[in-house]
Amino acid sequence: ASMMFASARFSAFLSARGFKSGEAMAAKRDETVKYFVEGFQQMLEGNLDAYIANFDAYMKPQED
């Protein structure tokens, strides 16, 4: 949960840097949320697919 909070906080910071006022940021709030949610979903799905396809290689304990 800590990593997700940090990612969300940093995403909000990155977004804020692109606006000149809180009002301007508020006007684009829903669009900004959609952008980050869709991007995260694509990355999560891609990584889940990679783990599914390579489960044994990724999760098998390494032998000495």
Protein backbone atom coordinates (compact mmCIF):
# COMPACT_ATOMS: atom_id res chain seq x y z
CA ALA A 1 0.00 0.00 0.00
CA SER A 2 2.88 2.39 0.73
CA MET A 3 4.25 2.09 -2.79
CA MET A 4 0.81 2.74 -4.30
CA PHE A 5 0.37 5.82 -2.11
CA ALA A 6 3.80 7.12 -3.12
CA SER A 7 3.03 6.54 -6.80
CA ALA A 8 -0.32 8.32 -6.48
CA ARG A 9 1.24 11.24 -4.61
CA PHE A 10 4.02 11.60 -7.18
CA SER A 11 1.50 11.41 -10.04
CA ALA A 12 -0.48 14.23 -8.42
CA PHE A 13 2.73 16.25 -8.08
CA LEU A 14 3.64 15.68 -11.73
CA SER A 15 0.16 16.74 -12.76
CA ALA A 16 0.21 19.86 -10.60
CA ARG A 17 3.43 21.02 -12.27
CA GLY A 18 1.53 21.30 -15.55
CA PHE A 19 -1.02 23.81 -14.26
CA LYS A 20 -0.90 27.47 -13.29
CA SER A 21 -3.67 27.27 -10.66
CA GLY A 22 -5.70 24.91 -8.54
CA GLU A 23 -8.77 25.94 -10.49
CA ALA A 24 -7.16 24.92 -13.78
CA MET A 25 -6.10 21.62 -12.23
CA ALA A 26 -9.59 21.00 -10.88
CA ALA A 27 -11.04 21.54 -14.35
CA LYS A 28 -8.88 18.67 -15.67
CA ARG A 29 -9.18 16.42 -12.59
CA ASP A 30 -11.31 13.67 -14.14
CA GLU A 31 -9.23 13.65 -17.33
CA THR A 32 -6.03 13.37 -15.29
CA VAL A 33 -7.38 10.50 -13.17
CA LYS A 34 -8.48 8.67 -16.31
CA TYR A 35 -5.03 9.10 -17.88
CA PHE A 36 -3.17 7.64 -14.89
CA VAL A 37 -5.69 4.85 -14.21
CA GLU A 38 -5.65 3.67 -17.83
CA GLY A 39 -1.86 3.82 -17.95
CA PHE A 40 -1.51 1.86 -14.71
CA GLN A 41 -4.04 -0.70 -15.88
CA GLN A 42 -2.10 -1.30 -19.10
CA MET A 43 1.17 -1.72 -17.20
CA LEU A 44 -0.39 -4.01 -14.59
CA GLU A 45 -2.05 -6.19 -17.23
CA GLY A 46 1.22 -6.47 -19.16
CA ASN A 47 3.14 -7.48 -16.06
CA LEU A 48 0.48 -9.97 -14.97
CA ASP A 49 0.58 -11.52 -18.44
CA ALA A 50 4.38 -11.76 -18.22
CA TYR A 51 4.16 -13.53 -14.85
CA ILE A 52 1.50 -15.90 -16.15
CA ALA A 53 3.60 -16.77 -19.20
CA ASN A 54 6.85 -17.11 -17.22
CA PHE A 55 5.56 -18.20 -13.82
CA ASP A 56 7.98 -21.08 -13.29
CA ALA A 57 11.01 -19.07 -14.35
CA TYR A 58 10.05 -16.02 -12.27
CA MET A 59 8.86 -17.82 -9.14
CA LYS A 60 11.06 -20.93 -8.98
CA PRO A 61 13.59 -20.69 -6.15
CA GLN A 62 17.14 -20.35 -7.39
CA GLU A 63 19.39 -23.31 -6.82
CA ASP A 64 22.90 -22.75 -5.49
